[in-house]
Amino acid sequence: MDLQRARATMVRKWRAWAERVAEAARKTLPNAEIYVLGSAVRGDYTGGSDVDILVVSDAVPKGLLQRAETKSLMEEKAGLPSPNPIEIHLAKHSEAQNYLSRAGKDIVKL
């Protein structure tokens, strides 16, 4: 129950956590563009929701293992607890449109 409560609190405070992730992303991938997408932006999140953060940079590694390591490094730099409801998506500029078009108007650029 405590994990659910902590998760719900993080989702409610999504903007502060997203700012921390944005700062960590920019330290990890200079010139990165950061967007928050989905239910957090719309305000219709629930306790089981996650917070989708898209990090766009042409410096994003190609390989899946390297991308996972990059996300882990960002989580560590942002001080995210484990587990957490923050879902970091990495994309090169050529890949980002897929995420952005699905999000429609439910986007906040940080």
N, C-alpha and C. Protein backbone atom coordinates (compact mmCIF):
# COMPACT_ATOMS: atom_id res chain seq x y z
N MET A 1 0.82 -1.20 0.00
CA MET A 1 0.00 0.00 0.00
C MET A 1 0.86 1.26 0.00
N ASP A 2 1.96 1.24 0.72
CA ASP A 2 2.83 2.41 0.76
C ASP A 2 3.43 2.72 -0.60
N LEU A 3 3.78 1.67 -1.38
CA LEU A 3 4.32 1.88 -2.72
C LEU A 3 3.27 2.53 -3.63
N GLN A 4 2.03 2.09 -3.52
CA GLN A 4 0.95 2.68 -4.32
C GLN A 4 0.75 4.15 -3.96
N ARG A 5 0.80 4.44 -2.69
CA ARG A 5 0.62 5.81 -2.23
C ARG A 5 1.78 6.69 -2.73
N ALA A 6 3.01 6.17 -2.63
CA ALA A 6 4.17 6.92 -3.10
C ALA A 6 4.09 7.15 -4.61
N ARG A 7 3.66 6.14 -5.33
CA ARG A 7 3.52 6.26 -6.79
C ARG A 7 2.47 7.33 -7.14
N ALA A 8 1.34 7.27 -6.46
CA ALA A 8 0.27 8.24 -6.72
C ALA A 8 0.74 9.66 -6.40
N THR A 9 1.50 9.82 -5.34
CA THR A 9 2.02 11.15 -4.99
C THR A 9 2.97 11.65 -6.06
N MET A 10 3.82 10.77 -6.58
CA MET A 10 4.74 11.19 -7.65
C MET A 10 3.97 11.61 -8.91
N VAL A 11 2.91 10.88 -9.23
CA VAL A 11 2.12 11.23 -10.41
C VAL A 11 1.46 12.59 -10.20
N ARG A 12 0.92 12.84 -9.01
CA ARG A 12 0.29 14.14 -8.74
C ARG A 12 1.31 15.28 -8.84
N LYS A 13 2.55 15.00 -8.48
CA LYS A 13 3.61 16.02 -8.52
C LYS A 13 4.48 15.84 -9.77
N TRP A 14 3.84 15.45 -10.86
CA TRP A 14 4.56 15.09 -12.08
C TRP A 14 5.45 16.20 -12.60
N ARG A 15 5.00 17.45 -12.49
CA ARG A 15 5.79 18.54 -13.06
C ARG A 15 7.16 18.68 -12.38
N ALA A 16 7.19 18.59 -11.06
CA ALA A 16 8.47 18.70 -10.34
C ALA A 16 9.39 17.54 -10.71
N TRP A 17 8.84 16.33 -10.80
CA TRP A 17 9.66 15.18 -11.17
C TRP A 17 10.12 15.30 -12.62
N ALA A 18 9.25 15.79 -13.48
CA ALA A 18 9.62 15.96 -14.90
C ALA A 18 10.75 16.98 -15.05
N GLU A 19 10.72 18.03 -14.26
CA GLU A 19 11.80 19.02 -14.30
C GLU A 19 13.13 18.40 -13.88
N ARG A 20 13.08 17.54 -12.87
CA ARG A 20 14.31 16.85 -12.44
C ARG A 20 14.84 15.94 -13.54
N VAL A 21 13.94 15.23 -14.20
CA VAL A 21 14.35 14.35 -15.30
C VAL A 21 14.90 15.19 -16.46
N ALA A 22 14.26 16.33 -16.74
CA ALA A 22 14.73 17.21 -17.83
C ALA A 22 16.15 17.69 -17.56
N GLU A 23 16.41 18.08 -16.32
CA GLU A 23 17.76 18.54 -15.97
C GLU A 23 18.78 17.41 -16.14
N ALA A 24 18.41 16.22 -15.68
CA ALA A 24 19.29 15.06 -15.82
C ALA A 24 19.50 14.70 -17.28
N ALA A 25 18.44 14.80 -18.07
CA ALA A 25 18.54 14.48 -19.51
C ALA A 25 19.48 15.44 -20.22
N ARG A 26 19.39 16.71 -19.87
CA ARG A 26 20.26 17.70 -20.52
C ARG A 26 21.72 17.53 -20.12
N LYS A 27 21.95 17.03 -18.92
CA LYS A 27 23.33 16.74 -18.49
C LYS A 27 23.87 15.50 -19.21
N THR A 28 22.98 14.58 -19.50
CA THR A 28 23.37 13.33 -20.14
C THR A 28 23.46 13.47 -21.66
N LEU A 29 22.50 14.19 -22.24
CA LEU A 29 22.43 14.38 -23.69
C LEU A 29 22.29 15.88 -23.96
N PRO A 30 23.40 16.59 -24.03
CA PRO A 30 23.33 18.04 -24.25
C PRO A 30 22.45 18.40 -25.46
N ASN A 31 21.74 19.51 -25.34
CA ASN A 31 20.82 20.00 -26.38
C ASN A 31 19.58 19.13 -26.56
N ALA A 32 19.29 18.29 -25.58
CA ALA A 32 18.09 17.45 -25.65
C ALA A 32 16.84 18.31 -25.52
N GLU A 33 15.80 17.90 -26.21
CA GLU A 33 14.47 18.51 -26.06
C GLU A 33 13.65 17.54 -25.21
N ILE A 34 12.91 18.08 -24.26
CA ILE A 34 12.16 17.22 -23.34
C ILE A 34 10.68 17.60 -23.37
N TYR A 35 9.85 16.57 -23.47
CA TYR A 35 8.40 16.74 -23.54
C TYR A 35 7.74 15.80 -22.53
N VAL A 36 6.65 16.26 -21.91
CA VAL A 36 5.81 15.39 -21.09
C VAL A 36 4.55 15.16 -21.92
N LEU A 37 4.11 13.91 -21.99
CA LEU A 37 2.99 13.53 -22.84
C LEU A 37 1.91 12.81 -22.04
N GLY A 38 0.70 12.87 -22.52
CA GLY A 38 -0.36 12.00 -22.03
C GLY A 38 -1.17 12.48 -20.86
N SER A 39 -1.57 11.51 -20.02
CA SER A 39 -2.55 11.77 -18.97
C SER A 39 -2.09 12.78 -17.94
N ALA A 40 -0.80 12.85 -17.67
CA ALA A 40 -0.30 13.86 -16.73
C ALA A 40 -0.61 15.25 -17.24
N VAL A 41 -0.40 15.47 -18.51
CA VAL A 41 -0.65 16.78 -19.12
C VAL A 41 -2.16 17.06 -19.16
N ARG A 42 -2.94 16.06 -19.50
CA ARG A 42 -4.40 16.24 -19.58
C ARG A 42 -5.01 16.44 -18.20
N GLY A 43 -4.37 15.88 -17.16
CA GLY A 43 -4.91 15.98 -15.81
C GLY A 43 -5.89 14.87 -15.48
N ASP A 44 -5.98 13.84 -16.33
CA ASP A 44 -6.90 12.75 -16.04
C ASP A 44 -6.17 11.47 -15.60
N TYR A 45 -5.02 11.66 -14.96
CA TYR A 45 -4.24 10.53 -14.46
C TYR A 45 -4.93 9.90 -13.26
N THR A 46 -4.54 8.66 -13.01
CA THR A 46 -5.01 7.93 -11.82
C THR A 46 -3.78 7.49 -11.03
N GLY A 47 -4.00 6.88 -9.91
CA GLY A 47 -2.89 6.39 -9.09
C GLY A 47 -2.05 5.35 -9.81
N GLY A 48 -2.63 4.66 -10.79
CA GLY A 48 -1.90 3.65 -11.55
C GLY A 48 -1.27 4.19 -12.82
N SER A 49 -1.43 5.48 -13.08
CA SER A 49 -0.87 6.07 -14.29
C SER A 49 0.64 6.20 -14.20
N ASP A 50 1.26 6.33 -15.36
CA ASP A 50 2.67 6.68 -15.37
C ASP A 50 2.81 8.08 -15.97
N VAL A 51 4.00 8.62 -15.88
CA VAL A 51 4.29 9.94 -16.43
C VAL A 51 5.25 9.72 -17.59
N ASP A 52 4.76 9.96 -18.81
CA ASP A 52 5.56 9.73 -20.01
C ASP A 52 6.39 10.96 -20.34
N ILE A 53 7.70 10.78 -20.36
CA ILE A 53 8.64 11.85 -20.68
C ILE A 53 9.43 11.44 -21.91
N LEU A 54 9.35 12.25 -22.94
CA LEU A 54 10.08 12.01 -24.18
C LEU A 54 11.32 12.88 -24.23
N VAL A 55 12.47 12.25 -24.40
CA VAL A 55 13.75 12.95 -24.52
C VAL A 55 14.20 12.79 -25.97
N VAL A 56 14.32 13.92 -26.67
CA VAL A 56 14.68 13.91 -28.09
C VAL A 56 16.07 14.50 -28.26
N SER A 57 16.94 13.70 -28.88
CA SER A 57 18.30 14.14 -29.15
C SER A 57 18.91 13.22 -30.19
N ASP A 58 19.66 13.79 -31.09
CA ASP A 58 20.35 12.95 -32.06
C ASP A 58 21.54 12.24 -31.43
N ALA A 59 21.84 12.55 -30.17
CA ALA A 59 22.90 11.85 -29.43
C ALA A 59 22.38 10.59 -28.73
N VAL A 60 21.09 10.29 -28.88
CA VAL A 60 20.53 9.07 -28.29
C VAL A 60 21.23 7.87 -28.93
N PRO A 61 21.69 6.92 -28.12
CA PRO A 61 22.37 5.75 -28.69
C PRO A 61 21.43 4.93 -29.57
N LYS A 62 22.01 4.19 -30.50
CA LYS A 62 21.20 3.35 -31.39
C LYS A 62 20.75 2.06 -30.73
N GLY A 63 21.65 1.40 -30.01
CA GLY A 63 21.35 0.09 -29.45
C GLY A 63 20.42 0.13 -28.26
N LEU A 64 19.62 -0.94 -28.11
CA LEU A 64 18.66 -1.01 -27.01
C LEU A 64 19.35 -1.05 -25.66
N LEU A 65 20.43 -1.78 -25.54
CA LEU A 65 21.15 -1.86 -24.27
C LEU A 65 21.71 -0.49 -23.89
N GLN A 66 22.30 0.21 -24.85
CA GLN A 66 22.84 1.54 -24.59
C GLN A 66 21.73 2.53 -24.23
N ARG A 67 20.57 2.38 -24.87
CA ARG A 67 19.43 3.26 -24.52
C ARG A 67 18.97 2.98 -23.09
N ALA A 68 18.91 1.71 -22.71
CA ALA A 68 18.50 1.36 -21.35
C ALA A 68 19.50 1.92 -20.33
N GLU A 69 20.78 1.84 -20.65
CA GLU A 69 21.80 2.40 -19.76
C GLU A 69 21.67 3.91 -19.65
N THR A 70 21.34 4.57 -20.76
CA THR A 70 21.16 6.02 -20.76
C THR A 70 19.97 6.41 -19.89
N LYS A 71 18.86 5.67 -20.02
CA LYS A 71 17.68 5.94 -19.18
C LYS A 71 18.01 5.74 -17.70
N SER A 72 18.72 4.67 -17.40
CA SER A 72 19.09 4.39 -16.02
C SER A 72 19.96 5.51 -15.44
N LEU A 73 20.89 6.00 -16.24
CA LEU A 73 21.74 7.10 -15.81
C LEU A 73 20.91 8.36 -15.54
N MET A 74 19.94 8.64 -16.40
CA MET A 74 19.06 9.80 -16.20
C MET A 74 18.25 9.65 -14.92
N GLU A 75 17.72 8.45 -14.69
CA GLU A 75 16.95 8.21 -13.46
C GLU A 75 17.80 8.44 -12.23
N GLU A 76 19.03 7.96 -12.29
CA GLU A 76 19.95 8.13 -11.16
C GLU A 76 20.26 9.61 -10.93
N LYS A 77 20.59 10.33 -12.00
CA LYS A 77 20.90 11.76 -11.87
C LYS A 77 19.70 12.57 -11.37
N ALA A 78 18.50 12.13 -11.73
CA ALA A 78 17.28 12.83 -11.30
C ALA A 78 16.87 12.46 -9.88
N GLY A 79 17.51 11.44 -9.32
CA GLY A 79 17.17 11.01 -7.97
C GLY A 79 15.84 10.29 -7.88
N LEU A 80 15.45 9.60 -8.95
CA LEU A 80 14.17 8.89 -8.95
C LEU A 80 14.27 7.65 -8.05
N PRO A 81 13.26 7.43 -7.22
CA PRO A 81 13.26 6.21 -6.42
C PRO A 81 12.94 5.01 -7.31
N SER A 82 13.18 3.83 -6.79
CA SER A 82 12.85 2.63 -7.53
C SER A 82 11.94 1.77 -6.66
N PRO A 83 10.80 1.39 -7.17
CA PRO A 83 10.22 1.69 -8.47
C PRO A 83 9.63 3.09 -8.50
N ASN A 84 9.29 3.54 -9.72
CA ASN A 84 8.68 4.86 -9.87
C ASN A 84 7.77 4.86 -11.10
N PRO A 85 6.87 5.83 -11.20
CA PRO A 85 5.93 5.88 -12.31
C PRO A 85 6.42 6.71 -13.51
N ILE A 86 7.69 7.07 -13.52
CA ILE A 86 8.22 7.89 -14.61
C ILE A 86 8.68 6.97 -15.73
N GLU A 87 8.15 7.18 -16.92
CA GLU A 87 8.51 6.38 -18.09
C GLU A 87 9.26 7.29 -19.05
N ILE A 88 10.56 7.06 -19.17
CA ILE A 88 11.40 7.87 -20.04
C ILE A 88 11.49 7.19 -21.40
N HIS A 89 11.16 7.93 -22.44
CA HIS A 89 11.26 7.45 -23.82
C HIS A 89 12.37 8.25 -24.49
N LEU A 90 13.29 7.56 -25.14
CA LEU A 90 14.38 8.21 -25.85
C LEU A 90 14.13 8.11 -27.35
N ALA A 91 14.37 9.21 -28.05
CA ALA A 91 14.17 9.20 -29.50
C ALA A 91 15.11 10.18 -30.17
N LYS A 92 15.60 9.78 -31.32
CA LYS A 92 16.32 10.72 -32.18
C LYS A 92 15.26 11.60 -32.84
N HIS A 93 15.66 12.73 -33.41
CA HIS A 93 14.69 13.62 -34.04
C HIS A 93 13.87 12.89 -35.10
N SER A 94 14.51 12.00 -35.84
CA SER A 94 13.81 11.26 -36.89
C SER A 94 12.76 10.29 -36.33
N GLU A 95 12.85 9.94 -35.05
CA GLU A 95 11.91 9.02 -34.41
C GLU A 95 10.84 9.73 -33.59
N ALA A 96 11.07 10.97 -33.26
CA ALA A 96 10.22 11.69 -32.30
C ALA A 96 8.81 11.94 -32.81
N GLN A 97 8.64 12.15 -34.10
CA GLN A 97 7.33 12.50 -34.63
C GLN A 97 6.28 11.44 -34.31
N ASN A 98 6.69 10.18 -34.26
CA ASN A 98 5.76 9.11 -33.93
C ASN A 98 5.15 9.33 -32.55
N TYR A 99 5.97 9.68 -31.57
CA TYR A 99 5.48 9.96 -30.21
C TYR A 99 4.62 11.22 -30.18
N LEU A 100 5.12 12.28 -30.81
CA LEU A 100 4.44 13.58 -30.73
C LEU A 100 3.09 13.55 -31.44
N SER A 101 3.00 12.86 -32.57
CA SER A 101 1.73 12.83 -33.28
C SER A 101 0.69 12.02 -32.51
N ARG A 102 1.11 10.95 -31.82
CA ARG A 102 0.17 10.17 -31.01
C ARG A 102 -0.31 10.97 -29.80
N ALA A 103 0.53 11.86 -29.28
CA ALA A 103 0.15 12.65 -28.10
C ALA A 103 -0.82 13.76 -28.46
N GLY A 104 -0.83 14.17 -29.72
CA GLY A 104 -1.73 15.24 -30.13
C GLY A 104 -1.40 16.54 -29.42
N LYS A 105 -2.42 17.13 -28.79
CA LYS A 105 -2.21 18.42 -28.09
C LYS A 105 -1.82 18.23 -26.64
N ASP A 106 -1.76 16.98 -26.19
CA ASP A 106 -1.46 16.69 -24.78
C ASP A 106 0.05 16.61 -24.57
N ILE A 107 0.72 17.75 -24.80
CA ILE A 107 2.18 17.83 -24.73
C ILE A 107 2.58 19.09 -23.97
N VAL A 108 3.56 18.95 -23.10
CA VAL A 108 4.20 20.11 -22.46
C VAL A 108 5.68 20.01 -22.77
N LYS A 109 6.24 21.04 -23.36
CA LYS A 109 7.67 21.06 -23.62
C LYS A 109 8.36 21.73 -22.42
N LEU A 110 9.40 21.07 -21.92
CA LEU A 110 10.13 21.60 -20.78
C LEU A 110 11.42 22.26 -21.24
